[in-house]
């Protein structure tokens, strides 16, 4: 019987501990089990932030827009706030309802939701960029006035529009990925 190469039991394992001691690496199941108590409170906080606080802040900022504003910043603030409130709940309800009804239609619904979400978000970000660049603080907000809440609508608009600009690429990639996955299922 002929042997080829190094036949020693330690061949190729220089510097690697090959002892039979139990592994100390934590499995994914253990990590999930340990993280479970934190998942629910974090989910509730994120849900409350997206579905309550963000729309509330936008509506409060919309109340601070002066009537002399060059464009309808107030309308944009209200629409953006409602979009943050309505779209996640609508999309999740739609996908869940379709998944319960028919599995094959579920995949098509995922594609439609990804495309509509991408187009809706991109449209709002572009609209907000146009509104923000066409208005001024002098004509849209008076920080010295007696207000219940001092939220500058143009500053809030700028923050969310610029964050939205950073997210447009991710939305586009997500929509393309959903279309590719659906097309791959249709071929097979």
Protein backbone atom coordinates (compact mmCIF):
# COMPACT_ATOMS: atom_id res chain seq x y z
CA UNK A 1 0.00 0.00 0.00
CA UNK A 2 1.48 3.30 -1.08
CA UNK A 3 0.99 6.56 0.83
CA UNK A 4 1.09 10.02 -0.67
CA UNK A 5 2.09 13.11 1.30
CA UNK A 6 2.58 13.56 5.04
CA UNK A 7 0.59 10.97 6.98
CA UNK A 8 1.28 12.23 10.49
CA UNK A 9 -1.86 13.03 12.53
CA UNK A 10 -0.82 16.68 13.01
CA UNK A 11 -0.18 17.40 9.31
CA UNK A 12 -1.48 20.78 8.22
CA UNK A 13 -2.60 21.86 11.68
CA UNK A 14 0.40 23.84 12.90
CA UNK A 15 -0.65 26.36 15.52
CA UNK A 16 -4.23 24.99 15.72
CA UNK A 17 -5.49 23.46 18.93
CA UNK A 18 -6.84 20.04 17.95
CA UNK A 19 -7.60 18.86 21.48
CA UNK A 20 -10.91 17.19 22.22
CA UNK A 21 -12.03 19.82 24.74
CA UNK A 22 -15.62 21.09 24.35
CA UNK A 23 -16.13 24.14 22.16
CA UNK A 24 -16.75 27.44 23.94
CA UNK A 25 -18.32 29.13 20.91
CA UNK A 26 -21.96 30.07 21.42
CA UNK A 27 -24.44 28.70 18.89
CA UNK A 28 -26.92 30.90 17.04
CA UNK A 29 -29.82 29.26 18.84
CA UNK A 30 -28.28 30.15 22.20
CA UNK A 31 -27.69 33.75 21.11
CA UNK A 32 -31.31 34.06 19.92
CA UNK A 33 -32.55 32.55 23.18
CA UNK A 34 -30.49 35.02 25.21
CA UNK A 35 -31.58 37.99 23.08
CA UNK A 36 -35.31 37.13 23.18
CA UNK A 37 -36.08 39.06 26.40
CA UNK A 38 -34.66 42.23 24.79
CA UNK A 39 -36.33 41.80 21.39
CA UNK A 40 -39.87 42.59 22.52
CA UNK A 41 -39.10 45.87 24.34
CA UNK A 42 -36.85 47.01 21.48
CA UNK A 43 -39.57 46.19 18.95
CA UNK A 44 -42.17 48.10 20.95
CA UNK A 45 -39.86 51.13 21.22
CA UNK A 46 -39.13 51.10 17.48
CA UNK A 47 -42.82 50.61 16.68
CA UNK A 48 -43.76 53.50 18.98
CA UNK A 49 -41.07 55.72 17.48
CA UNK A 50 -42.06 55.09 13.89
CA UNK A 51 -45.81 55.07 14.40
CA UNK A 52 -46.23 57.78 17.01
CA UNK A 53 -43.32 60.11 17.69
CA UNK A 54 -42.11 60.80 14.15
CA UNK A 55 -45.59 61.68 12.83
CA UNK A 56 -46.29 63.73 15.96
CA UNK A 57 -43.09 65.76 15.55
CA UNK A 58 -43.90 66.40 11.90
CA UNK A 59 -47.44 67.56 12.71
CA UNK A 60 -46.16 69.82 15.50
CA UNK A 61 -43.59 71.29 13.09
CA UNK A 62 -46.33 71.79 10.48
CA UNK A 63 -48.24 73.89 13.02
CA UNK A 64 -45.23 76.24 13.20
CA UNK A 65 -45.14 77.04 9.47
CA UNK A 66 -46.00 80.67 8.80
CA UNK A 67 -48.67 81.59 6.22
CA UNK A 68 -46.04 83.66 4.38
CA UNK A 69 -44.01 80.55 3.43
CA UNK A 70 -42.99 80.45 -0.25
CA UNK A 71 -44.23 76.87 -0.80
CA UNK A 72 -46.64 74.60 1.05
CA UNK A 73 -44.18 73.29 3.62
CA UNK A 74 -47.04 72.57 5.99
CA UNK A 75 -48.65 70.12 3.54
CA UNK A 76 -45.35 68.32 2.99
CA UNK A 77 -44.78 67.98 6.74
CA UNK A 78 -48.24 66.48 7.24
CA UNK A 79 -47.97 64.10 4.27
CA UNK A 80 -44.50 62.92 5.31
CA UNK A 81 -45.70 62.37 8.88
CA UNK A 82 -48.72 60.39 7.70
CA UNK A 83 -46.59 58.36 5.30
CA UNK A 84 -44.37 57.32 8.22
CA UNK A 85 -47.51 56.32 10.12
CA UNK A 86 -49.60 54.63 7.44
CA UNK A 87 -47.15 52.94 5.07
CA UNK A 88 -45.48 50.45 7.45
CA UNK A 89 -48.79 49.35 8.95
CA UNK A 90 -50.43 49.09 5.52
CA UNK A 91 -47.56 47.17 3.93
CA UNK A 92 -47.23 44.67 6.79
CA UNK A 93 -51.00 44.12 6.91
CA UNK A 94 -51.16 43.65 3.14
CA UNK A 95 -48.27 41.16 3.05
CA UNK A 96 -49.63 39.23 6.02
CA UNK A 97 -53.13 39.10 4.55
CA UNK A 98 -51.87 37.89 1.20
CA UNK A 99 -49.58 35.30 2.84
CA UNK A 100 -52.52 33.87 4.74
CA UNK A 101 -54.66 33.72 1.59
CA UNK A 102 -52.26 32.37 -1.00
CA UNK A 103 -48.53 31.66 -0.79
CA UNK A 104 -47.79 32.10 -4.51
CA UNK A 105 -49.37 35.56 -4.53
CA UNK A 106 -47.30 36.43 -1.44
CA UNK A 107 -44.08 36.62 -3.47
CA UNK A 108 -45.67 38.90 -6.06
CA UNK A 109 -47.01 41.09 -3.25
CA UNK A 110 -43.50 41.40 -1.80
CA UNK A 111 -42.27 42.72 -5.15
CA UNK A 112 -45.13 45.20 -5.45
CA UNK A 113 -44.63 46.45 -1.89
CA UNK A 114 -40.88 46.87 -2.46
CA UNK A 115 -41.45 48.81 -5.70
CA UNK A 116 -44.24 50.99 -4.30
CA UNK A 117 -42.24 51.66 -1.12
CA UNK A 118 -39.17 52.60 -3.15
CA UNK A 119 -41.13 54.91 -5.46
CA UNK A 120 -43.13 56.45 -2.59
CA UNK A 121 -40.11 57.14 -0.44
CA UNK A 122 -38.06 58.45 -3.36
CA UNK A 123 -40.93 60.70 -4.43
CA UNK A 124 -41.33 62.13 -0.92
CA UNK A 125 -37.60 62.74 -0.58
CA UNK A 126 -37.44 64.55 -3.93
CA UNK A 127 -40.56 66.58 -3.06
CA UNK A 128 -39.03 67.46 0.32
CA UNK A 129 -35.75 68.49 -1.31
CA UNK A 130 -37.64 70.80 -3.69
CA UNK A 131 -39.68 72.28 -0.82
CA UNK A 132 -36.62 72.75 1.40
CA UNK A 133 -34.52 74.38 -1.31
CA UNK A 134 -37.36 76.70 -2.36
CA UNK A 135 -38.16 78.07 1.10
CA UNK A 136 -36.37 80.25 3.66
CA UNK A 137 -36.44 80.36 7.45
CA UNK A 138 -37.34 84.05 7.37
CA UNK A 139 -40.69 83.46 5.65
CA UNK A 140 -41.55 80.01 7.01
CA UNK A 141 -40.61 80.03 10.70
CA UNK A 142 -40.47 82.61 13.46
CA UNK A 143 -38.47 81.20 16.34
CA UNK A 144 -39.08 84.33 18.43
CA UNK A 145 -42.86 83.98 18.36
CA UNK A 146 -44.81 82.61 21.30
CA UNK A 147 -45.07 78.91 20.39
CA UNK A 148 -46.06 75.81 22.37
CA UNK A 149 -43.23 73.87 20.79
CA UNK A 150 -40.18 75.31 19.06
CA UNK A 151 -39.66 72.87 16.19
CA UNK A 152 -38.21 74.53 13.10
CA UNK A 153 -40.04 72.86 10.18
CA UNK A 154 -37.28 73.60 7.65
CA UNK A 155 -34.60 72.08 9.87
CA UNK A 156 -36.72 68.98 10.49
CA UNK A 157 -37.42 68.76 6.76
CA UNK A 158 -33.72 69.05 5.93
CA UNK A 159 -32.70 66.35 8.42
CA UNK A 160 -35.23 63.81 7.16
CA UNK A 161 -34.71 64.67 3.49
CA UNK A 162 -30.96 64.24 3.72
CA UNK A 163 -31.35 61.00 5.68
CA UNK A 164 -33.83 59.91 3.00
CA UNK A 165 -31.32 60.72 0.28
CA UNK A 166 -28.89 58.32 1.95
CA UNK A 167 -31.60 55.63 2.03
CA UNK A 168 -32.71 55.88 -1.60
CA UNK A 169 -29.90 53.61 -2.76
CA UNK A 170 -30.79 50.99 -0.17
CA UNK A 171 -34.47 51.16 -1.19
CA UNK A 172 -33.52 50.70 -4.84
CA UNK A 173 -31.29 47.70 -4.05
CA UNK A 174 -34.07 46.16 -1.93
CA UNK A 175 -36.62 46.62 -4.73
CA UNK A 176 -34.24 45.13 -7.34
CA UNK A 177 -33.49 42.20 -5.02
CA UNK A 178 -37.21 41.50 -4.55
CA UNK A 179 -37.76 41.56 -8.32
CA UNK A 180 -34.79 39.21 -8.93
CA UNK A 181 -35.99 36.76 -6.26
CA UNK A 182 -39.50 36.75 -7.74
CA UNK A 183 -38.14 36.27 -11.29
CA UNK A 184 -35.96 33.37 -10.09
CA UNK A 185 -39.01 31.68 -8.55
CA UNK A 186 -41.01 32.10 -11.76
CA UNK A 187 -38.25 30.49 -13.86
CA UNK A 188 -37.89 27.45 -11.60
